[in-house]
Amino acid sequence: MGVQLPRWVWVGAAALSSVAGIVNVVGFLGFQHQAITHLTGNTSLLAASLASGDWHAARHLFAAMAAFVVGAALGGLIVQDSTLRLGRRYGVALSIEALLLALAVPLFRHGLAAGAVCAALACGLQNAMATTYSGAIVRTTHVSGMFTDLGIMLGHALRGMPLARRRLGLCVLVISFFFAGGVLGALLFARFDYAALYLPAALTGITGVGYALYRHRQLRAGGVSA
C-alpha cells in the first residue's frame, strides 16, 4: 500500500540525505557549533541570543536562517514545480549547490560567517528541489518530519489501520542516510577539517553535470520538455 515511488526517487532521497547529514555535522562540529539545516534549533538559539543581548551570535544565526530561505527561493525559481518529476532543472540546481558547498570551505577556514551562509544556501536549494512525489513528502535536509511520520504510522498500526509501507520505507531511508552522512561527516571533519565539504560538493556537482548532459541529449534526440 501507499505511494508508488520509482527507483530514481529512492536513490535521490538517499544520496541527498547523506549530503545534508555531512554538511550539517560539519557545521555543528566546526563554525561556532552551529547546525546548518536544523532551523528549529537555530530559531531557538536566535531567540536565546536576542534575549541575552548576544548580538554577534544573533546576526550569524539570522544570516544563516535567511540564507536557507533564499536558497529555497532559488530552488523554486530554478525547478519551478512542487512535484518531483524527471525533466525538471535538477542538474542546474545540483551544480549550483556544489559550487556553494565548495565556496564554503575557504570561507569557513578563514572563520567567516559567510561559510555558514553559503552552506545554508546550498541546503535550502536542495530542500526546495526535493519536495513531493505522488503525495509523499520528500525532505532531505532535516528529519523531524520523517520521525513524525514514523510516529503517525506507528499509531495507525496500533489501531489496525493499513500501513503505508512505501512511505514508511522512505522515512526509514531518509533518516538512515542522514544519520550515515552525519557519521561520515564527523569522521571526515576529524581528519580533513572543513575540506570534508568537498565530498558532498563533488557528489552533487558530478550528479548535476551528468544529469544536465543526459537531459540535453534527450532533448536533442526526442524533444522532451526541460
N, C-alpha and C. Protein backbone atom coordinates (compact mmCIF):
# COMPACT_ATOMS: atom_id res chain seq x y z
N MET A 1 0.84 -1.19 0.00
CA MET A 1 0.00 0.00 0.00
C MET A 1 0.87 1.24 0.00
N GLY A 2 0.24 2.40 -0.25
CA GLY A 2 0.98 3.64 -0.20
C GLY A 2 1.38 4.11 -1.59
N VAL A 3 2.15 5.17 -1.64
CA VAL A 3 2.53 5.78 -2.90
C VAL A 3 3.51 4.88 -3.65
N GLN A 4 3.45 4.98 -4.97
CA GLN A 4 4.38 4.27 -5.83
C GLN A 4 5.57 5.18 -6.09
N LEU A 5 6.75 4.72 -5.74
CA LEU A 5 7.94 5.54 -5.90
C LEU A 5 8.92 4.85 -6.83
N PRO A 6 9.29 5.49 -7.95
CA PRO A 6 10.27 4.90 -8.85
C PRO A 6 11.66 4.88 -8.22
N ARG A 7 12.54 4.09 -8.82
CA ARG A 7 13.87 3.89 -8.24
C ARG A 7 14.65 5.19 -8.11
N TRP A 8 14.49 6.11 -9.08
CA TRP A 8 15.29 7.33 -9.04
C TRP A 8 14.93 8.21 -7.84
N VAL A 9 13.69 8.10 -7.36
CA VAL A 9 13.30 8.86 -6.17
C VAL A 9 14.00 8.30 -4.93
N TRP A 10 14.03 6.97 -4.82
CA TRP A 10 14.70 6.34 -3.69
C TRP A 10 16.20 6.67 -3.68
N VAL A 11 16.83 6.54 -4.83
CA VAL A 11 18.27 6.82 -4.92
C VAL A 11 18.56 8.28 -4.63
N GLY A 12 17.76 9.18 -5.20
CA GLY A 12 17.97 10.61 -4.97
C GLY A 12 17.77 10.99 -3.52
N ALA A 13 16.73 10.43 -2.89
CA ALA A 13 16.47 10.75 -1.48
C ALA A 13 17.61 10.27 -0.59
N ALA A 14 18.13 9.07 -0.87
CA ALA A 14 19.24 8.54 -0.07
C ALA A 14 20.50 9.40 -0.25
N ALA A 15 20.83 9.73 -1.50
CA ALA A 15 22.04 10.49 -1.77
C ALA A 15 21.98 11.89 -1.17
N LEU A 16 20.87 12.57 -1.37
CA LEU A 16 20.76 13.95 -0.88
C LEU A 16 20.67 13.99 0.65
N SER A 17 20.05 12.99 1.25
CA SER A 17 20.00 12.93 2.72
C SER A 17 21.40 12.77 3.30
N SER A 18 22.21 11.93 2.68
CA SER A 18 23.58 11.75 3.17
C SER A 18 24.40 13.02 2.99
N VAL A 19 24.19 13.72 1.89
CA VAL A 19 24.87 15.00 1.67
C VAL A 19 24.52 15.99 2.77
N ALA A 20 23.23 16.11 3.08
CA ALA A 20 22.79 17.02 4.13
C ALA A 20 23.33 16.61 5.49
N GLY A 21 23.41 15.30 5.74
CA GLY A 21 23.96 14.82 7.00
C GLY A 21 25.40 15.24 7.18
N ILE A 22 26.19 15.15 6.10
CA ILE A 22 27.59 15.57 6.14
C ILE A 22 27.69 17.07 6.41
N VAL A 23 26.95 17.86 5.65
CA VAL A 23 27.02 19.32 5.78
C VAL A 23 26.61 19.76 7.18
N ASN A 24 25.55 19.17 7.70
CA ASN A 24 25.04 19.60 9.00
C ASN A 24 26.02 19.30 10.12
N VAL A 25 26.64 18.12 10.09
CA VAL A 25 27.55 17.77 11.17
C VAL A 25 28.85 18.55 11.08
N VAL A 26 29.30 18.87 9.86
CA VAL A 26 30.50 19.71 9.72
C VAL A 26 30.24 21.10 10.29
N GLY A 27 29.05 21.65 10.00
CA GLY A 27 28.71 22.95 10.58
C GLY A 27 28.64 22.90 12.09
N PHE A 28 28.10 21.81 12.62
CA PHE A 28 27.96 21.69 14.07
C PHE A 28 29.31 21.50 14.76
N LEU A 29 30.18 20.69 14.19
CA LEU A 29 31.48 20.44 14.81
C LEU A 29 32.44 21.60 14.60
N GLY A 30 32.19 22.40 13.56
CA GLY A 30 33.12 23.45 13.23
C GLY A 30 32.69 24.83 13.66
N PHE A 31 32.20 25.61 12.73
CA PHE A 31 31.94 27.03 12.93
C PHE A 31 30.92 27.29 14.03
N GLN A 32 31.37 27.78 15.17
CA GLN A 32 30.52 28.18 16.29
C GLN A 32 29.52 27.08 16.69
N HIS A 33 29.84 25.83 16.36
CA HIS A 33 28.96 24.70 16.70
C HIS A 33 27.52 24.97 16.27
N GLN A 34 27.38 25.49 15.06
CA GLN A 34 26.06 25.88 14.55
C GLN A 34 25.62 24.91 13.46
N ALA A 35 24.53 24.19 13.71
CA ALA A 35 23.99 23.30 12.69
C ALA A 35 23.51 24.13 11.50
N ILE A 36 23.63 23.56 10.31
CA ILE A 36 23.29 24.29 9.10
C ILE A 36 21.83 24.10 8.72
N THR A 37 21.33 22.88 8.80
CA THR A 37 19.98 22.58 8.31
C THR A 37 18.93 22.55 9.40
N HIS A 38 19.34 22.64 10.67
CA HIS A 38 18.42 22.48 11.79
C HIS A 38 17.82 23.84 12.15
N LEU A 39 16.84 24.28 11.38
CA LEU A 39 16.28 25.62 11.57
C LEU A 39 15.46 25.74 12.85
N THR A 40 14.88 24.64 13.33
CA THR A 40 14.14 24.70 14.58
C THR A 40 15.08 25.07 15.73
N GLY A 41 16.20 24.36 15.81
CA GLY A 41 17.18 24.65 16.85
C GLY A 41 17.79 26.02 16.70
N ASN A 42 18.08 26.41 15.44
CA ASN A 42 18.68 27.73 15.21
C ASN A 42 17.71 28.85 15.55
N THR A 43 16.42 28.61 15.33
CA THR A 43 15.43 29.62 15.71
C THR A 43 15.42 29.81 17.23
N SER A 44 15.51 28.70 17.97
CA SER A 44 15.58 28.78 19.43
C SER A 44 16.87 29.47 19.88
N LEU A 45 17.99 29.15 19.23
CA LEU A 45 19.25 29.79 19.56
C LEU A 45 19.20 31.29 19.27
N LEU A 46 18.54 31.67 18.18
CA LEU A 46 18.39 33.08 17.85
C LEU A 46 17.58 33.80 18.92
N ALA A 47 16.49 33.16 19.35
CA ALA A 47 15.67 33.76 20.40
C ALA A 47 16.48 33.93 21.69
N ALA A 48 17.26 32.90 22.04
CA ALA A 48 18.08 32.98 23.25
C ALA A 48 19.15 34.05 23.13
N SER A 49 19.74 34.18 21.95
CA SER A 49 20.77 35.19 21.72
C SER A 49 20.21 36.60 21.86
N LEU A 50 19.03 36.80 21.30
CA LEU A 50 18.39 38.12 21.40
C LEU A 50 18.03 38.43 22.85
N ALA A 51 17.54 37.42 23.56
CA ALA A 51 17.15 37.64 24.96
C ALA A 51 18.35 37.97 25.84
N SER A 52 19.51 37.39 25.51
CA SER A 52 20.71 37.63 26.32
C SER A 52 21.54 38.81 25.83
N GLY A 53 21.12 39.39 24.71
CA GLY A 53 21.86 40.53 24.18
C GLY A 53 23.13 40.15 23.43
N ASP A 54 23.24 38.90 23.00
CA ASP A 54 24.40 38.45 22.23
C ASP A 54 24.14 38.75 20.76
N TRP A 55 24.37 40.00 20.38
CA TRP A 55 24.02 40.44 19.03
C TRP A 55 24.92 39.80 17.96
N HIS A 56 26.16 39.50 18.33
CA HIS A 56 27.07 38.88 17.38
C HIS A 56 26.54 37.51 16.95
N ALA A 57 26.17 36.68 17.91
CA ALA A 57 25.61 35.36 17.59
C ALA A 57 24.27 35.49 16.88
N ALA A 58 23.48 36.46 17.30
CA ALA A 58 22.16 36.65 16.68
C ALA A 58 22.30 37.00 15.20
N ARG A 59 23.28 37.85 14.87
CA ARG A 59 23.48 38.22 13.46
C ARG A 59 23.86 37.00 12.63
N HIS A 60 24.77 36.17 13.16
CA HIS A 60 25.20 34.99 12.42
C HIS A 60 24.06 34.00 12.23
N LEU A 61 23.28 33.78 13.28
CA LEU A 61 22.17 32.85 13.19
C LEU A 61 21.11 33.34 12.21
N PHE A 62 20.79 34.62 12.30
CA PHE A 62 19.78 35.17 11.39
C PHE A 62 20.25 35.10 9.95
N ALA A 63 21.52 35.38 9.71
CA ALA A 63 22.05 35.34 8.35
C ALA A 63 21.96 33.94 7.77
N ALA A 64 22.31 32.93 8.58
CA ALA A 64 22.24 31.54 8.10
C ALA A 64 20.80 31.12 7.83
N MET A 65 19.88 31.52 8.71
CA MET A 65 18.48 31.15 8.52
C MET A 65 17.90 31.84 7.29
N ALA A 66 18.23 33.10 7.12
CA ALA A 66 17.76 33.83 5.94
C ALA A 66 18.33 33.22 4.67
N ALA A 67 19.59 32.77 4.74
CA ALA A 67 20.23 32.17 3.57
C ALA A 67 19.51 30.88 3.17
N PHE A 68 19.07 30.10 4.15
CA PHE A 68 18.33 28.87 3.85
C PHE A 68 17.05 29.21 3.07
N VAL A 69 16.36 30.26 3.51
CA VAL A 69 15.13 30.67 2.83
C VAL A 69 15.43 31.16 1.42
N VAL A 70 16.50 31.94 1.28
CA VAL A 70 16.89 32.43 -0.05
C VAL A 70 17.25 31.26 -0.96
N GLY A 71 17.96 30.26 -0.41
CA GLY A 71 18.29 29.08 -1.18
C GLY A 71 17.05 28.34 -1.64
N ALA A 72 16.06 28.22 -0.74
CA ALA A 72 14.80 27.58 -1.11
C ALA A 72 14.08 28.37 -2.20
N ALA A 73 14.13 29.69 -2.10
CA ALA A 73 13.52 30.52 -3.13
C ALA A 73 14.22 30.32 -4.47
N LEU A 74 15.55 30.20 -4.43
CA LEU A 74 16.30 29.94 -5.65
C LEU A 74 15.92 28.59 -6.24
N GLY A 75 15.72 27.60 -5.36
CA GLY A 75 15.29 26.29 -5.83
C GLY A 75 13.93 26.36 -6.51
N GLY A 76 13.01 27.11 -5.91
CA GLY A 76 11.70 27.27 -6.53
C GLY A 76 11.78 28.00 -7.87
N LEU A 77 12.69 28.96 -7.96
CA LEU A 77 12.87 29.71 -9.20
C LEU A 77 13.43 28.83 -10.31
N ILE A 78 14.35 27.94 -9.95
CA ILE A 78 15.00 27.09 -10.96
C ILE A 78 14.12 25.92 -11.36
N VAL A 79 13.62 25.18 -10.35
CA VAL A 79 12.85 23.96 -10.63
C VAL A 79 11.44 24.28 -11.10
N GLN A 80 10.83 25.31 -10.53
CA GLN A 80 9.52 25.81 -10.95
C GLN A 80 8.41 24.77 -10.82
N ASP A 81 8.49 23.94 -9.79
CA ASP A 81 7.43 22.97 -9.57
C ASP A 81 7.50 22.49 -8.13
N SER A 82 6.39 22.04 -7.59
CA SER A 82 6.37 21.50 -6.24
C SER A 82 6.31 19.98 -6.25
N THR A 83 6.42 19.38 -7.44
CA THR A 83 6.34 17.93 -7.56
C THR A 83 7.57 17.39 -8.28
N LEU A 84 8.19 16.36 -7.70
CA LEU A 84 9.35 15.73 -8.33
C LEU A 84 8.94 15.07 -9.63
N ARG A 85 9.70 15.34 -10.68
CA ARG A 85 9.48 14.65 -11.94
C ARG A 85 10.74 14.80 -12.79
N LEU A 86 11.10 13.73 -13.48
CA LEU A 86 12.25 13.80 -14.36
C LEU A 86 11.98 14.82 -15.46
N GLY A 87 13.02 15.56 -15.83
CA GLY A 87 12.89 16.57 -16.87
C GLY A 87 12.96 17.97 -16.31
N ARG A 88 12.80 18.13 -14.99
CA ARG A 88 12.95 19.45 -14.39
C ARG A 88 14.43 19.80 -14.27
N ARG A 89 14.74 21.01 -13.88
CA ARG A 89 16.10 21.52 -13.94
C ARG A 89 16.94 21.14 -12.72
N TYR A 90 16.92 19.85 -12.40
CA TYR A 90 17.67 19.40 -11.23
C TYR A 90 19.17 19.48 -11.45
N GLY A 91 19.62 19.30 -12.67
CA GLY A 91 21.05 19.39 -12.95
C GLY A 91 21.61 20.75 -12.63
N VAL A 92 20.88 21.79 -13.00
CA VAL A 92 21.31 23.16 -12.71
C VAL A 92 21.34 23.40 -11.20
N ALA A 93 20.29 22.97 -10.52
CA ALA A 93 20.20 23.18 -9.07
C ALA A 93 21.33 22.44 -8.34
N LEU A 94 21.60 21.21 -8.73
CA LEU A 94 22.66 20.43 -8.09
C LEU A 94 24.03 21.05 -8.35
N SER A 95 24.24 21.57 -9.55
CA SER A 95 25.53 22.20 -9.87
C SER A 95 25.75 23.45 -9.04
N ILE A 96 24.70 24.24 -8.86
CA ILE A 96 24.82 25.45 -8.02
C ILE A 96 25.07 25.05 -6.57
N GLU A 97 24.39 24.02 -6.10
CA GLU A 97 24.63 23.54 -4.74
C GLU A 97 26.08 23.13 -4.54
N ALA A 98 26.64 22.44 -5.52
CA ALA A 98 28.04 22.01 -5.44
C ALA A 98 28.98 23.21 -5.34
N LEU A 99 28.73 24.23 -6.15
CA LEU A 99 29.58 25.44 -6.12
C LEU A 99 29.49 26.13 -4.77
N LEU A 100 28.30 26.20 -4.20
CA LEU A 100 28.12 26.85 -2.90
C LEU A 100 28.85 26.09 -1.79
N LEU A 101 28.77 24.76 -1.83
CA LEU A 101 29.45 23.96 -0.81
C LEU A 101 30.97 24.08 -0.94
N ALA A 102 31.46 24.09 -2.18
CA ALA A 102 32.90 24.25 -2.38
C ALA A 102 33.37 25.62 -1.93
N LEU A 103 32.58 26.65 -2.20
CA LEU A 103 32.93 28.01 -1.78
C LEU A 103 32.93 28.15 -0.26
N ALA A 104 32.08 27.37 0.41
CA ALA A 104 32.00 27.46 1.87
C ALA A 104 33.29 27.04 2.56
N VAL A 105 34.06 26.16 1.93
CA VAL A 105 35.27 25.62 2.57
C VAL A 105 36.29 26.71 2.90
N PRO A 106 36.76 27.50 1.92
CA PRO A 106 37.73 28.55 2.27
C PRO A 106 37.16 29.61 3.20
N LEU A 107 35.87 29.88 3.08
CA LEU A 107 35.24 30.87 3.96
C LEU A 107 35.23 30.37 5.40
N PHE A 108 34.88 29.11 5.59
CA PHE A 108 34.93 28.51 6.92
C PHE A 108 36.35 28.54 7.48
N ARG A 109 37.32 28.22 6.65
CA ARG A 109 38.71 28.15 7.10
C ARG A 109 39.23 29.52 7.56
N HIS A 110 38.67 30.59 7.01
CA HIS A 110 39.05 31.93 7.43
C HIS A 110 38.18 32.46 8.57
N GLY A 111 37.33 31.58 9.12
CA GLY A 111 36.50 31.95 10.25
C GLY A 111 35.40 32.94 9.91
N LEU A 112 34.95 32.93 8.67
CA LEU A 112 33.94 33.88 8.22
C LEU A 112 32.54 33.27 8.30
N ALA A 113 31.59 34.07 8.76
CA ALA A 113 30.21 33.59 8.83
C ALA A 113 29.65 33.32 7.45
N ALA A 114 30.27 33.88 6.43
CA ALA A 114 29.82 33.64 5.06
C ALA A 114 29.89 32.16 4.69
N GLY A 115 30.77 31.40 5.37
CA GLY A 115 30.82 29.96 5.11
C GLY A 115 29.52 29.29 5.47
N ALA A 116 28.98 29.61 6.65
CA ALA A 116 27.70 29.06 7.06
C ALA A 116 26.58 29.54 6.16
N VAL A 117 26.69 30.78 5.69
CA VAL A 117 25.67 31.32 4.78
C VAL A 117 25.65 30.54 3.47
N CYS A 118 26.83 30.27 2.90
CA CYS A 118 26.89 29.51 1.66
C CYS A 118 26.36 28.09 1.85
N ALA A 119 26.73 27.45 2.96
CA ALA A 119 26.25 26.10 3.22
C ALA A 119 24.74 26.07 3.40
N ALA A 120 24.21 27.09 4.09
CA ALA A 120 22.76 27.16 4.29
C ALA A 120 22.03 27.43 2.98
N LEU A 121 22.61 28.26 2.13
CA LEU A 121 22.04 28.49 0.80
C LEU A 121 21.93 27.18 0.03
N ALA A 122 23.02 26.40 0.09
CA ALA A 122 23.05 25.12 -0.63
C ALA A 122 21.97 24.18 -0.11
N CYS A 123 21.82 24.12 1.21
CA CYS A 123 20.84 23.20 1.80
C CYS A 123 19.41 23.67 1.54
N GLY A 124 19.17 24.96 1.57
CA GLY A 124 17.84 25.47 1.24
C GLY A 124 17.47 25.16 -0.19
N LEU A 125 18.44 25.32 -1.09
CA LEU A 125 18.23 24.99 -2.51
C LEU A 125 17.91 23.51 -2.66
N GLN A 126 18.67 22.66 -1.97
CA GLN A 126 18.44 21.21 -2.05
C GLN A 126 17.07 20.84 -1.52
N ASN A 127 16.69 21.41 -0.41
CA ASN A 127 15.41 21.03 0.21
C ASN A 127 14.23 21.46 -0.64
N ALA A 128 14.35 22.60 -1.32
CA ALA A 128 13.28 23.04 -2.20
C ALA A 128 13.20 22.18 -3.46
N MET A 129 14.35 21.70 -3.90
CA MET A 129 14.40 20.88 -5.10
C MET A 129 13.71 19.55 -4.88
N ALA A 130 13.92 18.94 -3.73
CA ALA A 130 13.30 17.66 -3.40
C ALA A 130 12.08 17.93 -2.54
N THR A 131 10.90 17.88 -3.14
CA THR A 131 9.69 18.27 -2.42
C THR A 131 8.72 17.11 -2.28
N THR A 132 7.90 16.86 -3.28
CA THR A 132 6.91 15.78 -3.17
C THR A 132 6.92 14.90 -4.40
N TYR A 133 6.51 13.67 -4.20
CA TYR A 133 6.29 12.76 -5.34
C TYR A 133 5.08 11.91 -5.01
N SER A 134 4.04 12.02 -5.84
CA SER A 134 2.80 11.24 -5.67
C SER A 134 2.24 11.34 -4.26
N GLY A 135 2.31 12.54 -3.68
CA GLY A 135 1.76 12.75 -2.36
C GLY A 135 2.69 12.45 -1.22
N ALA A 136 3.87 11.88 -1.50
CA ALA A 136 4.84 11.57 -0.45
C ALA A 136 5.76 12.77 -0.25
N ILE A 137 5.82 13.26 0.97
CA ILE A 137 6.70 14.39 1.27
C ILE A 137 8.13 13.90 1.29
N VAL A 138 9.00 14.55 0.51
CA VAL A 138 10.40 14.17 0.43
C VAL A 138 11.24 15.35 0.90
N ARG A 139 11.67 15.32 2.15
CA ARG A 139 12.53 16.35 2.69
C ARG A 139 13.87 15.71 3.03
N THR A 140 14.97 16.29 2.54
CA THR A 140 16.25 15.61 2.67
C THR A 140 17.26 16.33 3.57
N THR A 141 16.94 17.51 4.06
CA THR A 141 17.93 18.24 4.87
C THR A 141 17.63 18.21 6.36
N HIS A 142 16.49 17.66 6.75
CA HIS A 142 16.18 17.50 8.18
C HIS A 142 15.22 16.32 8.33
N VAL A 143 15.14 15.76 9.51
CA VAL A 143 14.40 14.51 9.69
C VAL A 143 13.27 14.60 10.71
N SER A 144 12.97 15.79 11.21
CA SER A 144 11.87 15.92 12.18
C SER A 144 10.55 15.43 11.59
N GLY A 145 10.27 15.83 10.35
CA GLY A 145 9.04 15.40 9.70
C GLY A 145 9.00 13.90 9.49
N MET A 146 10.15 13.32 9.17
CA MET A 146 10.21 11.88 8.95
C MET A 146 9.93 11.11 10.25
N PHE A 147 10.50 11.59 11.36
CA PHE A 147 10.23 10.96 12.65
C PHE A 147 8.75 11.12 13.02
N THR A 148 8.17 12.27 12.70
CA THR A 148 6.74 12.48 12.96
C THR A 148 5.90 11.49 12.16
N ASP A 149 6.24 11.32 10.87
CA ASP A 149 5.51 10.37 10.04
C ASP A 149 5.64 8.95 10.59
N LEU A 150 6.83 8.60 11.08
CA LEU A 150 7.01 7.28 11.67
C LEU A 150 6.07 7.09 12.87
N GLY A 151 5.97 8.11 13.70
CA GLY A 151 5.08 8.03 14.86
C GLY A 151 3.62 7.91 14.45
N ILE A 152 3.23 8.67 13.44
CA ILE A 152 1.85 8.60 12.96
C ILE A 152 1.53 7.20 12.45
N MET A 153 2.46 6.66 11.65
CA MET A 153 2.22 5.32 11.10
C MET A 153 2.22 4.25 12.19
N LEU A 154 3.04 4.44 13.23
CA LEU A 154 3.01 3.52 14.36
C LEU A 154 1.64 3.55 15.04
N GLY A 155 1.11 4.77 15.24
CA GLY A 155 -0.22 4.89 15.83
C GLY A 155 -1.29 4.24 14.98
N HIS A 156 -1.18 4.42 13.65
CA HIS A 156 -2.14 3.78 12.75
C HIS A 156 -2.06 2.26 12.85
N ALA A 157 -0.82 1.75 12.92
CA ALA A 157 -0.63 0.30 13.00
C ALA A 157 -1.24 -0.25 14.29
N LEU A 158 -1.08 0.48 15.39
CA LEU A 158 -1.63 0.03 16.67
C LEU A 158 -3.15 -0.01 16.65
N ARG A 159 -3.75 0.83 15.81
CA ARG A 159 -5.21 0.82 15.68
C ARG A 159 -5.69 -0.16 14.61
N GLY A 160 -4.74 -0.88 13.99
CA GLY A 160 -5.12 -1.84 12.97
C GLY A 160 -5.41 -1.23 11.62
N MET A 161 -5.01 0.02 11.41
CA MET A 161 -5.21 0.67 10.13
C MET A 161 -4.17 0.20 9.13
N PRO A 162 -4.47 0.30 7.82
CA PRO A 162 -3.50 -0.12 6.79
C PRO A 162 -2.20 0.69 6.91
N LEU A 163 -1.09 0.04 6.71
CA LEU A 163 0.22 0.67 6.83
C LEU A 163 0.74 1.06 5.45
N ALA A 164 1.09 2.34 5.30
CA ALA A 164 1.67 2.82 4.04
C ALA A 164 3.14 2.39 3.99
N ARG A 165 3.37 1.22 3.46
CA ARG A 165 4.71 0.62 3.55
C ARG A 165 5.76 1.40 2.78
N ARG A 166 5.43 1.92 1.61
CA ARG A 166 6.43 2.65 0.84
C ARG A 166 6.75 3.99 1.51
N ARG A 167 5.76 4.61 2.08
CA ARG A 167 6.01 5.85 2.82
C ARG A 167 6.87 5.56 4.05
N LEU A 168 6.58 4.45 4.72
CA LEU A 168 7.39 4.03 5.87
C LEU A 168 8.83 3.78 5.42
N GLY A 169 8.99 3.09 4.29
CA GLY A 169 10.32 2.82 3.77
C GLY A 169 11.08 4.09 3.43
N LEU A 170 10.36 5.08 2.87
CA LEU A 170 11.00 6.35 2.54
C LEU A 170 11.49 7.06 3.79
N CYS A 171 10.68 7.05 4.84
CA CYS A 171 11.08 7.69 6.11
C CYS A 171 12.34 7.03 6.68
N VAL A 172 12.33 5.71 6.70
CA VAL A 172 13.49 4.98 7.23
C VAL A 172 14.72 5.25 6.38
N LEU A 173 14.54 5.29 5.06
CA LEU A 173 15.65 5.55 4.15
C LEU A 173 16.29 6.91 4.41
N VAL A 174 15.47 7.96 4.47
CA VAL A 174 15.99 9.31 4.67
C VAL A 174 16.68 9.44 6.03
N ILE A 175 16.05 8.93 7.07
CA ILE A 175 16.64 9.01 8.41
C ILE A 175 17.98 8.26 8.46
N SER A 176 18.00 7.07 7.88
CA SER A 176 19.21 6.24 7.92
C SER A 176 20.37 6.90 7.18
N PHE A 177 20.09 7.44 6.00
CA PHE A 177 21.18 8.02 5.21
C PHE A 177 21.59 9.39 5.75
N PHE A 178 20.66 10.12 6.36
CA PHE A 178 21.04 11.37 7.03
C PHE A 178 21.98 11.06 8.19
N PHE A 179 21.65 10.02 8.94
CA PHE A 179 22.49 9.60 10.06
C PHE A 179 23.85 9.11 9.56
N ALA A 180 23.84 8.28 8.52
CA ALA A 180 25.09 7.77 7.97
C ALA A 180 25.96 8.91 7.45
N GLY A 181 25.33 9.89 6.82
CA GLY A 181 26.08 11.05 6.36
C GLY A 181 26.69 11.82 7.51
N GLY A 182 25.96 11.91 8.62
CA GLY A 182 26.50 12.58 9.79
C GLY A 182 27.72 11.86 10.36
N VAL A 183 27.64 10.53 10.41
CA VAL A 183 28.79 9.76 10.90
C VAL A 183 29.99 9.96 9.98
N LEU A 184 29.75 9.86 8.68
CA LEU A 184 30.84 10.05 7.71
C LEU A 184 31.40 11.47 7.79
N GLY A 185 30.50 12.45 7.93
CA GLY A 185 30.96 13.85 8.03
C GLY A 185 31.82 14.08 9.25
N ALA A 186 31.45 13.47 10.38
CA ALA A 186 32.24 13.62 11.60
C ALA A 186 33.63 13.00 11.44
N LEU A 187 33.68 11.82 10.81
CA LEU A 187 34.97 11.17 10.58
C LEU A 187 35.85 11.98 9.63
N LEU A 188 35.24 12.51 8.58
CA LEU A 188 35.99 13.32 7.61
C LEU A 188 36.46 14.63 8.23
N PHE A 189 35.61 15.24 9.07
CA PHE A 189 35.98 16.51 9.69
C PHE A 189 37.16 16.32 10.64
N ALA A 190 37.17 15.20 11.35
CA ALA A 190 38.26 14.93 12.28
C ALA A 190 39.60 14.82 11.56
N ARG A 191 39.56 14.39 10.30
CA ARG A 191 40.80 14.19 9.55
C ARG A 191 41.12 15.33 8.60
N PHE A 192 40.10 15.89 7.96
CA PHE A 192 40.33 16.88 6.90
C PHE A 192 39.79 18.28 7.22
N ASP A 193 39.22 18.45 8.38
CA ASP A 193 38.65 19.74 8.75
C ASP A 193 37.54 20.11 7.76
N TYR A 194 37.42 21.39 7.41
CA TYR A 194 36.32 21.83 6.55
C TYR A 194 36.40 21.28 5.14
N ALA A 195 37.57 20.76 4.75
CA ALA A 195 37.69 20.14 3.43
C ALA A 195 36.75 18.94 3.29
N ALA A 196 36.18 18.47 4.39
CA ALA A 196 35.18 17.40 4.33
C ALA A 196 34.01 17.78 3.43
N LEU A 197 33.75 19.07 3.30
CA LEU A 197 32.63 19.53 2.47
C LEU A 197 32.90 19.34 0.98
N TYR A 198 34.15 19.10 0.62
CA TYR A 198 34.43 18.86 -0.80
C TYR A 198 33.80 17.56 -1.28
N LEU A 199 33.58 16.61 -0.37
CA LEU A 199 32.93 15.35 -0.78
C LEU A 199 31.48 15.59 -1.22
N PRO A 200 30.62 16.20 -0.38
CA PRO A 200 29.26 16.46 -0.87
C PRO A 200 29.24 17.42 -2.06
N ALA A 201 30.20 18.35 -2.12
CA ALA A 201 30.27 19.24 -3.28
C ALA A 201 30.55 18.44 -4.55
N ALA A 202 31.48 17.49 -4.44
CA ALA A 202 31.81 16.67 -5.61
C ALA A 202 30.64 15.78 -6.00
N LEU A 203 29.98 15.19 -5.02
CA LEU A 203 28.85 14.30 -5.32
C LEU A 203 27.73 15.05 -6.03
N THR A 204 27.36 16.20 -5.49
CA THR A 204 26.27 16.96 -6.11
C THR A 204 26.70 17.56 -7.45
N GLY A 205 27.96 17.97 -7.54
CA GLY A 205 28.45 18.56 -8.79
C GLY A 205 28.49 17.55 -9.92
N ILE A 206 29.05 16.37 -9.66
CA ILE A 206 29.12 15.33 -10.69
C ILE A 206 27.73 14.89 -11.11
N THR A 207 26.84 14.72 -10.12
CA THR A 207 25.47 14.32 -10.43
C THR A 207 24.76 15.40 -11.24
N GLY A 208 24.95 16.66 -10.84
CA GLY A 208 24.29 17.76 -11.54
C GLY A 208 24.74 17.90 -12.98
N VAL A 209 26.04 17.87 -13.20
CA VAL A 209 26.57 17.99 -14.56
C VAL A 209 26.15 16.78 -15.40
N GLY A 210 26.26 15.59 -14.81
CA GLY A 210 25.87 14.38 -15.54
C GLY A 210 24.40 14.40 -15.92
N TYR A 211 23.55 14.83 -14.98
CA TYR A 211 22.12 14.88 -15.27
C TYR A 211 21.80 15.93 -16.34
N ALA A 212 22.48 17.09 -16.26
CA ALA A 212 22.26 18.14 -17.25
C ALA A 212 22.64 17.66 -18.65
N LEU A 213 23.76 16.95 -18.76
CA LEU A 213 24.19 16.42 -20.06
C LEU A 213 23.21 15.37 -20.56
N TYR A 214 22.74 14.53 -19.65
CA TYR A 214 21.77 13.49 -20.02
C TYR A 214 20.48 14.10 -20.55
N ARG A 215 19.98 15.11 -19.85
CA ARG A 215 18.74 15.75 -20.28
C ARG A 215 18.93 16.49 -21.60
N HIS A 216 20.10 17.13 -21.76
CA HIS A 216 20.37 17.84 -23.01
C HIS A 216 20.38 16.87 -24.18
N ARG A 217 20.96 15.70 -23.98
CA ARG A 217 20.99 14.70 -25.04
C ARG A 217 19.58 14.21 -25.35
N GLN A 218 18.76 14.02 -24.30
CA GLN A 218 17.38 13.58 -24.52
C GLN A 218 16.58 14.63 -25.27
N LEU A 219 16.79 15.90 -24.93
CA LEU A 219 16.08 16.97 -25.60
C LEU A 219 16.42 17.02 -27.08
N ARG A 220 17.70 16.85 -27.38
CA ARG A 220 18.12 16.89 -28.79
C ARG A 220 17.61 15.68 -29.56
N ALA A 221 17.51 14.53 -28.86
CA ALA A 221 17.10 13.32 -29.54
C ALA A 221 15.59 13.22 -29.71
N GLY A 222 14.84 13.65 -28.68
CA GLY A 222 13.40 13.42 -28.75
C GLY A 222 12.52 14.59 -28.43
N GLY A 223 13.09 15.76 -28.15
CA GLY A 223 12.28 16.93 -27.86
C GLY A 223 11.53 16.85 -26.56
N VAL A 224 12.13 16.21 -25.51
CA VAL A 224 11.50 16.11 -24.20
C VAL A 224 11.52 17.45 -23.51
N SER A 225 10.42 17.80 -22.78
CA SER A 225 10.35 19.07 -22.06
C SER A 225 11.40 19.15 -20.99
N ALA A 226 12.06 20.34 -20.84
CA ALA A 226 13.14 20.52 -19.86
C ALA A 226 12.63 20.68 -18.47
